[in-house]
């Protein structure tokens, strides 16, 4: 498995398997971040999202829909995407750090949790779900 560093990023695929992207830790950022590179687009999420999302999924105790959506679109209730921007999550709002690119949490974080052995993910063409391991 990759180290998750800038020089050795995780190479991941979206849940349907249709797109490849990379992620790596940037522990020197303020706040510490996960850098997600999707083609020429760079998204950043709080590094603590790994631990926080795993904790939330564990508390759910069953499959949770991903519900990926862009920042300017509403997220369906009860989805990973909705939790990643909810006022009552551990950071009190968005895990995404870059204004205009804070969404898609439900698309890009779940494959990382699967890679790290923290979650199980479905890989259908649509309507994928995740649960904690």
Protein backbone atom coordinates (compact mmCIF):
# COMPACT_ATOMS: atom_id res chain seq x y z
CA UNK A 1 0.00 0.00 0.00
CA UNK A 2 1.14 3.55 -0.70
CA UNK A 3 2.40 5.68 2.18
CA UNK A 4 -0.10 8.46 1.54
CA UNK A 5 2.63 11.07 1.22
CA UNK A 6 3.04 13.65 -1.54
CA UNK A 7 5.79 11.47 -3.07
CA UNK A 8 3.85 8.21 -2.60
CA UNK A 9 0.13 9.08 -2.76
CA UNK A 10 -2.75 6.67 -2.56
CA UNK A 11 -4.03 5.90 -6.05
CA UNK A 12 -7.78 5.39 -5.77
CA UNK A 13 -10.84 4.86 -7.95
CA UNK A 14 -14.27 6.37 -7.49
CA UNK A 15 -16.82 3.88 -6.13
CA UNK A 16 -18.23 3.03 -9.60
CA UNK A 17 -14.65 2.52 -10.79
CA UNK A 18 -15.05 5.09 -13.54
CA UNK A 19 -12.31 7.56 -12.53
CA UNK A 20 -8.88 7.37 -10.95
CA UNK A 21 -7.51 10.02 -8.56
CA UNK A 22 -4.82 10.40 -5.92
CA UNK A 23 -4.85 11.49 -2.29
CA UNK A 24 -2.09 12.29 0.13
CA UNK A 25 -1.65 13.75 3.59
CA UNK A 26 -0.37 17.30 4.10
CA UNK A 27 0.25 17.40 7.83
CA UNK A 28 1.99 20.79 7.57
CA UNK A 29 -1.14 22.53 6.24
CA UNK A 30 -3.27 24.57 8.63
CA UNK A 31 -5.42 22.67 9.39
CA UNK A 32 -3.74 19.37 8.44
CA UNK A 33 -5.27 18.24 5.16
CA UNK A 34 -5.91 15.47 2.70
CA UNK A 35 -5.09 16.62 -0.81
CA UNK A 36 -7.24 15.02 -3.49
CA UNK A 37 -6.07 15.40 -7.10
CA UNK A 38 -8.71 14.59 -9.71
CA UNK A 39 -7.25 15.37 -13.12
CA UNK A 40 -6.36 19.06 -12.97
CA UNK A 41 -8.74 19.72 -10.05
CA UNK A 42 -7.35 19.88 -6.53
CA UNK A 43 -9.69 19.38 -3.59
CA UNK A 44 -8.66 19.50 0.05
CA UNK A 45 -10.36 18.00 3.07
CA UNK A 46 -9.50 18.07 6.76
CA UNK A 47 -7.11 15.22 7.57
CA UNK A 48 -9.17 14.32 10.62
CA UNK A 49 -11.97 13.32 8.21
CA UNK A 50 -10.51 9.79 8.07
CA UNK A 51 -10.90 9.17 11.79
CA UNK A 52 -14.11 11.18 12.17
CA UNK A 53 -15.88 9.50 9.23
CA UNK A 54 -14.86 6.05 10.44
CA UNK A 55 -16.23 6.86 13.90
CA UNK A 56 -19.52 8.08 12.46
CA UNK A 57 -19.87 5.02 10.22
CA UNK A 58 -19.17 2.74 13.18
CA UNK A 59 -21.93 4.49 15.14
CA UNK A 60 -24.36 4.01 12.22
CA UNK A 61 -23.84 0.24 12.44
CA UNK A 62 -25.04 -0.51 8.91
CA UNK A 63 -24.74 0.53 5.27
CA UNK A 64 -24.93 4.28 4.61
CA UNK A 65 -25.50 5.81 1.15
CA UNK A 66 -22.68 7.98 -0.20
CA UNK A 67 -24.82 10.73 -1.75
CA UNK A 68 -21.92 12.58 -3.40
CA UNK A 69 -22.82 16.13 -4.50
CA UNK A 70 -21.01 19.29 -5.53
CA UNK A 71 -20.79 22.08 -2.96
CA UNK A 72 -23.55 24.16 -4.56
CA UNK A 73 -26.03 21.25 -4.64
CA UNK A 74 -27.95 19.94 -1.63
CA UNK A 75 -26.90 16.63 -0.09
CA UNK A 76 -29.53 13.97 0.58
CA UNK A 77 -30.28 13.42 4.27
CA UNK A 78 -28.57 10.47 5.93
CA UNK A 79 -25.71 10.27 3.43
CA UNK A 80 -21.95 10.51 3.89
CA UNK A 81 -22.07 13.74 1.87
CA UNK A 82 -24.67 15.30 4.19
CA UNK A 83 -22.67 14.33 7.27
CA UNK A 84 -19.49 15.81 5.71
CA UNK A 85 -21.10 19.26 5.69
CA UNK A 86 -23.49 19.06 8.66
CA UNK A 87 -23.44 21.60 11.48
CA UNK A 88 -23.54 18.78 14.04
CA UNK A 89 -20.50 16.82 12.80
CA UNK A 90 -17.27 17.00 14.86
CA UNK A 91 -15.95 20.08 12.97
CA UNK A 92 -19.30 21.87 12.91
CA UNK A 93 -19.65 22.01 9.13
CA UNK A 94 -17.64 21.38 5.99
CA UNK A 95 -14.71 18.94 5.97
CA UNK A 96 -13.85 20.38 2.55
CA UNK A 97 -11.39 23.27 2.88
CA UNK A 98 -11.32 24.95 -0.53
CA UNK A 99 -14.31 27.24 -1.11
CA UNK A 100 -16.13 26.23 -4.27
CA UNK A 101 -14.60 22.72 -4.05
CA UNK A 102 -15.82 21.58 -0.61
CA UNK A 103 -18.31 19.02 -1.90
CA UNK A 104 -17.86 15.50 -3.29
CA UNK A 105 -16.86 14.30 0.19
CA UNK A 106 -19.10 11.26 -0.38
CA UNK A 107 -17.27 10.45 -3.62
CA UNK A 108 -13.62 10.80 -2.66
CA UNK A 109 -13.34 9.89 1.06
CA UNK A 110 -15.03 6.45 1.08
CA UNK A 111 -12.51 4.79 -1.29
CA UNK A 112 -9.70 6.01 0.98
CA UNK A 113 -11.36 4.42 4.01
CA UNK A 114 -11.69 1.20 2.02
CA UNK A 115 -7.99 1.36 1.02
CA UNK A 116 -7.03 1.83 4.67
CA UNK A 117 -9.12 -1.21 5.70
CA UNK A 118 -11.54 0.91 7.75
CA UNK A 119 -14.66 0.38 5.65
CA UNK A 120 -16.40 -1.77 3.11
CA UNK A 121 -17.74 -0.09 -0.02
CA UNK A 122 -20.10 -1.19 -2.79
CA UNK A 123 -18.96 -0.64 -6.38
CA UNK A 124 -22.13 -0.35 -8.44
CA UNK A 125 -22.69 2.05 -11.34
CA UNK A 126 -24.88 4.22 -9.05
CA UNK A 127 -26.18 4.51 -5.48
CA UNK A 128 -23.12 3.12 -3.70
CA UNK A 129 -23.00 2.58 0.05
CA UNK A 130 -20.37 2.20 2.77
CA UNK A 131 -20.14 0.61 6.20
CA UNK A 132 -17.42 0.56 8.83
CA UNK A 133 -15.21 -2.46 9.38
